[in-house]
């Protein structure tokens, strides 16, 4: 079968790999019909993830067939009404649980609170969408790309800030009467945005880190030691999948809003180029058709 393999710095390719075999009575072999490229895959391609060595199959999942361990508890049937757009369902294995679990839930977004999402890439936009489920009074998106700020506003952000043109900290302070944000979601993964997030927190606030960091960052405890703040990290799992499926089924969640490009598996290198240079191509999420 064909699989997408990480070959080393800035290099991925399609290779033939052995068909997966059952290893446990609770395993299942699943035929992949559609998949996507995760933002983490871009970090891996840039060699930002030291634990991922050349030869690793990328994506979730970048292969024609995959073995699913613990399939009796980790596979979810698609309910009636949620199967009209199977490409949209791919997003439930990607940015939506990441934005929701690692960002919104870890950030303890609450009714009446203020949440700031730093980064309006696909994960940040998923956080913008799912944060609204918890009725914050303000959903603020911070980004340097004007077009992505427009998307954030269209998807429900109450306020947008272009941090390339204005003082984002001063803007957030102005929006919150000098208090700062109750929840700050870091959805970029670079030192500068992690620094920014620390400066946006209100006393008692939560900084939920979602971005994949490929280098060390600074923690400014000299400014935070007496503010009773929390910093969280998390690797996404599937605990929210049943809820997200029900929201899609009811029409209250439309993951397809984040899909901008479609490719065939044989064009995966073009898909990577399009996803990796999002500003040039206006890319949010790509869907790869494996069939």
Protein backbone atom coordinates (compact mmCIF):
# COMPACT_ATOMS: atom_id res chain seq x y z
CA UNK A 1 0.00 0.00 0.00
CA UNK A 2 1.05 3.64 -0.42
CA UNK A 3 2.00 5.73 2.59
CA UNK A 4 3.28 9.26 3.11
CA UNK A 5 6.73 9.11 4.69
CA UNK A 6 8.96 11.70 6.35
CA UNK A 7 12.37 11.45 4.67
CA UNK A 8 14.23 14.16 6.58
CA UNK A 9 14.43 17.93 6.67
CA UNK A 10 11.90 19.46 4.25
CA UNK A 11 11.32 16.15 2.48
CA UNK A 12 8.30 13.84 2.31
CA UNK A 13 7.42 11.20 -0.26
CA UNK A 14 4.95 8.46 -1.13
CA UNK A 15 6.36 4.98 -0.58
CA UNK A 16 5.16 1.41 -0.68
CA UNK A 17 4.78 0.03 2.84
CA UNK A 18 3.53 -3.34 4.12
CA UNK A 19 -0.20 -3.74 4.62
CA UNK A 20 -0.95 -3.44 8.37
CA UNK A 21 -1.79 -6.61 10.29
CA UNK A 22 -3.97 -7.19 13.32
CA UNK A 23 -1.92 -7.43 16.50
CA UNK A 24 -4.71 -7.75 19.08
CA UNK A 25 -8.32 -8.97 19.20
CA UNK A 26 -9.43 -5.37 19.73
CA UNK A 27 -7.61 -4.07 16.63
CA UNK A 28 -9.28 -3.07 13.37
CA UNK A 29 -7.88 -2.41 9.91
CA UNK A 30 -9.44 0.72 8.42
CA UNK A 31 -9.37 1.76 4.78
CA UNK A 32 -8.66 5.48 4.56
CA UNK A 33 -10.77 7.35 1.99
CA UNK A 34 -9.93 10.94 2.93
CA UNK A 35 -7.31 12.52 5.14
CA UNK A 36 -5.59 15.85 5.72
CA UNK A 37 -2.24 17.39 6.58
CA UNK A 38 -1.88 18.37 10.21
CA UNK A 39 0.02 21.48 11.25
CA UNK A 40 2.24 19.17 13.28
CA UNK A 41 3.23 17.47 10.01
CA UNK A 42 4.68 20.78 8.84
CA UNK A 43 6.69 21.01 12.07
CA UNK A 44 7.92 17.44 11.53
CA UNK A 45 8.93 18.23 7.95
CA UNK A 46 10.98 21.16 9.29
CA UNK A 47 12.61 18.77 11.82
CA UNK A 48 11.06 20.64 14.76
CA UNK A 49 9.90 17.39 16.39
CA UNK A 50 13.00 15.54 17.55
CA UNK A 51 11.10 12.36 18.43
CA UNK A 52 9.98 11.89 14.81
CA UNK A 53 12.75 10.27 12.80
CA UNK A 54 13.02 9.73 9.02
CA UNK A 55 10.94 6.78 7.85
CA UNK A 56 7.91 7.73 9.94
CA UNK A 57 4.49 7.62 8.30
CA UNK A 58 2.94 11.07 8.56
CA UNK A 59 -0.54 12.41 9.04
CA UNK A 60 -3.59 10.98 10.64
CA UNK A 61 -3.43 9.09 8.63
CA UNK A 62 -1.17 9.34 5.59
CA UNK A 63 -1.65 5.78 4.37
CA UNK A 64 -4.18 3.78 2.39
CA UNK A 65 -4.87 1.44 5.32
CA UNK A 66 -4.17 1.79 9.05
CA UNK A 67 -4.31 -0.48 12.07
CA UNK A 68 -6.44 1.01 14.84
CA UNK A 69 -5.57 -0.30 18.32
CA UNK A 70 -8.37 -0.48 20.90
CA UNK A 71 -10.84 -0.10 18.06
CA UNK A 72 -13.67 -1.23 20.32
CA UNK A 73 -13.38 2.07 22.21
CA UNK A 74 -11.64 4.43 19.78
CA UNK A 75 -13.71 4.14 16.59
CA UNK A 76 -16.98 6.05 16.32
CA UNK A 77 -19.82 5.28 13.88
CA UNK A 78 -20.94 8.21 11.76
CA UNK A 79 -24.51 9.11 12.77
CA UNK A 80 -27.30 9.80 10.29
CA UNK A 81 -27.21 13.42 9.20
CA UNK A 82 -23.48 13.75 9.73
CA UNK A 83 -22.46 11.86 6.61
CA UNK A 84 -23.52 14.37 3.96
CA UNK A 85 -19.98 15.76 3.67
CA UNK A 86 -17.37 13.16 4.57
CA UNK A 87 -14.56 15.63 3.87
CA UNK A 88 -15.87 17.78 6.72
CA UNK A 89 -15.69 14.80 9.07
CA UNK A 90 -11.93 14.61 8.45
CA UNK A 91 -11.67 17.85 10.44
CA UNK A 92 -13.00 15.98 13.49
CA UNK A 93 -9.79 13.96 13.45
CA UNK A 94 -7.71 17.10 13.12
CA UNK A 95 -8.10 20.76 14.09
CA UNK A 96 -11.46 20.68 15.86
CA UNK A 97 -10.60 18.35 18.77
CA UNK A 98 -7.21 20.09 18.99
CA UNK A 99 -8.71 23.56 19.21
CA UNK A 100 -11.45 22.40 21.56
CA UNK A 101 -9.54 20.10 23.91
CA UNK A 102 -6.07 21.66 23.99
CA UNK A 103 -7.30 25.23 23.70
CA UNK A 104 -10.85 25.84 24.87
CA UNK A 105 -11.21 23.13 27.51
CA UNK A 106 -7.69 23.45 28.87
CA UNK A 107 -8.13 27.22 28.83
CA UNK A 108 -11.28 26.90 30.94
CA UNK A 109 -13.30 29.19 28.69
CA UNK A 110 -16.43 30.13 30.62
CA UNK A 111 -19.67 32.09 30.15
CA UNK A 112 -19.07 35.81 30.33
CA UNK A 113 -15.29 35.52 30.17
CA UNK A 114 -12.77 36.85 27.70
CA UNK A 115 -10.78 34.46 25.52
CA UNK A 116 -7.93 35.58 23.29
CA UNK A 117 -6.71 33.25 20.54
CA UNK A 118 -3.22 34.09 19.29
CA UNK A 119 -2.90 32.72 15.76
CA UNK A 120 -5.72 32.41 13.22
CA UNK A 121 -4.44 29.38 11.37
CA UNK A 122 -6.74 26.35 11.18
CA UNK A 123 -6.28 25.34 14.83
CA UNK A 124 -6.75 28.89 16.04
CA UNK A 125 -9.88 29.25 13.92
CA UNK A 126 -11.20 25.95 15.29
CA UNK A 127 -10.68 27.43 18.76
CA UNK A 128 -12.57 30.58 17.69
CA UNK A 129 -15.50 28.41 16.60
CA UNK A 130 -15.57 26.00 19.55
CA UNK A 131 -14.97 28.69 22.19
CA UNK A 132 -18.39 30.09 21.31
CA UNK A 133 -20.01 26.89 22.63
CA UNK A 134 -19.13 28.11 26.14
CA UNK A 135 -20.62 31.62 25.77
CA UNK A 136 -17.66 33.91 26.49
CA UNK A 137 -18.52 37.59 26.24
CA UNK A 138 -15.47 38.28 24.07
CA UNK A 139 -13.62 36.12 21.56
CA UNK A 140 -10.54 38.02 20.41
CA UNK A 141 -8.38 36.80 17.51
CA UNK A 142 -4.78 38.05 17.14
CA UNK A 143 -2.97 37.45 13.84
CA UNK A 144 -0.65 39.17 11.35
CA UNK A 145 -2.46 37.97 8.21
CA UNK A 146 -5.28 40.34 7.27
CA UNK A 147 -7.20 37.69 5.32
CA UNK A 148 -7.15 35.26 8.21
CA UNK A 149 -8.39 37.98 10.55
CA UNK A 150 -11.31 38.47 8.16
CA UNK A 151 -12.04 34.74 8.37
CA UNK A 152 -11.85 34.84 12.18
CA UNK A 153 -14.37 37.68 12.26
CA UNK A 154 -16.64 35.80 9.86
CA UNK A 155 -16.47 32.69 12.06
CA UNK A 156 -17.53 34.56 15.18
CA UNK A 157 -14.63 36.49 16.70
CA UNK A 158 -16.02 39.57 18.43
CA UNK A 159 -12.76 41.46 17.96
CA UNK A 160 -9.67 41.05 15.78
CA UNK A 161 -6.21 42.52 16.29
CA UNK A 162 -3.44 42.74 13.70
CA UNK A 163 -0.35 42.43 15.89
CA UNK A 164 1.87 43.54 13.00
CA UNK A 165 0.21 46.93 12.95
CA UNK A 166 -0.75 47.65 16.55
CA UNK A 167 0.20 46.93 20.16
CA UNK A 168 -1.78 43.76 20.84
CA UNK A 169 -1.28 43.96 24.61
CA UNK A 170 -2.59 47.53 24.74
CA UNK A 171 -5.54 46.56 22.55
CA UNK A 172 -6.52 43.63 24.76
CA UNK A 173 -6.18 45.80 27.87
CA UNK A 174 -8.46 48.38 26.26
CA UNK A 175 -11.05 45.72 25.39
CA UNK A 176 -11.03 44.34 28.95
CA UNK A 177 -10.93 47.59 30.95
CA UNK A 178 -7.31 46.99 31.84
CA UNK A 179 -7.85 43.48 33.20
CA UNK A 180 -6.49 41.22 30.48
CA UNK A 181 -7.87 37.92 29.22
CA UNK A 182 -9.30 35.12 31.35
CA UNK A 183 -8.12 32.56 28.80
CA UNK A 184 -5.32 32.92 26.27
CA UNK A 185 -4.84 30.21 23.64
CA UNK A 186 -1.42 30.02 21.97
CA UNK A 187 -2.01 28.51 18.52
CA UNK A 188 1.24 29.31 16.72
CA UNK A 189 4.21 27.65 18.42
CA UNK A 190 7.01 30.23 18.30
CA UNK A 191 8.77 32.09 21.14
CA UNK A 192 7.36 35.51 20.20
CA UNK A 193 3.74 34.40 20.45
CA UNK A 194 4.34 32.54 23.72
CA UNK A 195 5.84 35.77 25.09
CA UNK A 196 2.81 37.71 23.87
CA UNK A 197 0.38 35.29 25.49
CA UNK A 198 2.01 35.75 28.89
CA UNK A 199 1.50 39.51 28.62
CA UNK A 200 -2.20 39.14 27.78
CA UNK A 201 -3.24 37.19 30.88
CA UNK A 202 -5.51 38.60 33.55
CA UNK A 203 -4.78 37.67 37.17
CA UNK A 204 -6.10 34.14 37.67
CA UNK A 205 -6.06 33.51 33.93
CA UNK A 206 -5.10 30.38 32.01
CA UNK A 207 -2.60 30.18 29.14
CA UNK A 208 -3.47 27.10 27.08
CA UNK A 209 -0.57 26.21 24.83
CA UNK A 210 -1.62 24.47 21.62
CA UNK A 211 1.26 25.36 19.29
CA UNK A 212 4.09 22.90 18.61
CA UNK A 213 7.33 24.50 19.79
CA UNK A 214 10.54 23.48 18.05
CA UNK A 215 12.80 25.58 20.26
CA UNK A 216 12.95 26.81 23.84
CA UNK A 217 10.78 29.67 25.04
CA UNK A 218 11.06 32.11 27.93
CA UNK A 219 8.79 31.99 30.96
CA UNK A 220 8.61 35.45 32.51
CA UNK A 221 8.02 34.50 36.12
CA UNK A 222 9.29 37.90 37.21
CA UNK A 223 6.00 39.26 35.87
CA UNK A 224 3.75 36.29 36.65
CA UNK A 225 4.77 34.88 40.03
CA UNK A 226 2.03 36.73 41.95
CA UNK A 227 -0.79 36.53 39.37
CA UNK A 228 -2.16 33.07 40.17
CA UNK A 229 -2.02 32.03 36.52
CA UNK A 230 -1.89 28.53 35.05
CA UNK A 231 -0.14 27.28 31.91
CA UNK A 232 -1.43 24.09 30.32
CA UNK A 233 -0.18 21.71 27.64
CA UNK A 234 -1.94 18.73 26.11
CA UNK A 235 -1.84 16.20 23.32
CA UNK A 236 -5.22 15.89 21.68
CA UNK A 237 -7.22 12.67 22.10
CA UNK A 238 -10.73 11.59 21.09
CA UNK A 239 -12.72 12.39 24.23
CA UNK A 240 -14.77 15.08 22.50
CA UNK A 241 -15.43 13.16 19.27
CA UNK A 242 -18.96 11.98 20.22
CA UNK A 243 -19.95 15.55 21.13
CA UNK A 244 -18.48 16.98 17.93
CA UNK A 245 -20.27 14.35 15.84
CA UNK A 246 -23.59 15.29 17.44
CA UNK A 247 -22.95 18.96 16.73
CA UNK A 248 -22.25 18.15 13.07
CA UNK A 249 -25.35 15.95 12.97
CA UNK A 250 -27.50 18.78 14.31
CA UNK A 251 -26.03 21.31 11.89
CA UNK A 252 -24.59 23.44 14.69
CA UNK A 253 -20.98 22.75 13.67
CA UNK A 254 -19.82 23.05 10.06
CA UNK A 255 -16.21 21.84 9.79
CA UNK A 256 -16.22 22.32 6.02
CA UNK A 257 -15.90 26.08 6.59
CA UNK A 258 -12.17 25.51 7.13
CA UNK A 259 -11.57 23.43 3.97
CA UNK A 260 -10.11 25.40 1.07
CA UNK A 261 -8.31 22.85 -1.14
CA UNK A 262 -8.71 19.23 -2.30
CA UNK A 263 -5.97 16.94 -3.68
CA UNK A 264 -5.47 13.33 -4.72
CA UNK A 265 -3.01 11.20 -2.78
CA UNK A 266 -0.65 11.17 -5.77
CA UNK A 267 -0.46 14.97 -5.56
CA UNK A 268 0.48 15.01 -1.89
CA UNK A 269 3.70 16.96 -2.47
CA UNK A 270 1.65 19.72 -4.11
CA UNK A 271 -0.72 19.53 -1.16
CA UNK A 272 2.19 20.06 1.24
CA UNK A 273 3.43 23.03 -0.77
CA UNK A 274 -0.05 24.56 -0.77
CA UNK A 275 -0.59 23.98 2.94
CA UNK A 276 2.92 25.06 3.87
CA UNK A 277 2.69 28.38 2.00
CA UNK A 278 -0.75 29.32 3.22
CA UNK A 279 -0.41 33.06 2.69
CA UNK A 280 0.40 32.58 -0.99
CA UNK A 281 -2.43 30.17 -1.68
CA UNK A 282 -5.04 31.37 0.82
CA UNK A 283 -4.97 27.95 2.43
CA UNK A 284 -6.77 26.91 5.58
CA UNK A 285 -7.17 23.12 5.45
CA UNK A 286 -6.52 20.70 2.61
CA UNK A 287 -8.30 17.39 2.13
CA UNK A 288 -6.48 14.52 0.42
CA UNK A 289 -8.64 11.97 -1.39
CA UNK A 290 -7.01 8.57 -0.98
CA UNK A 291 -9.36 6.62 -3.27
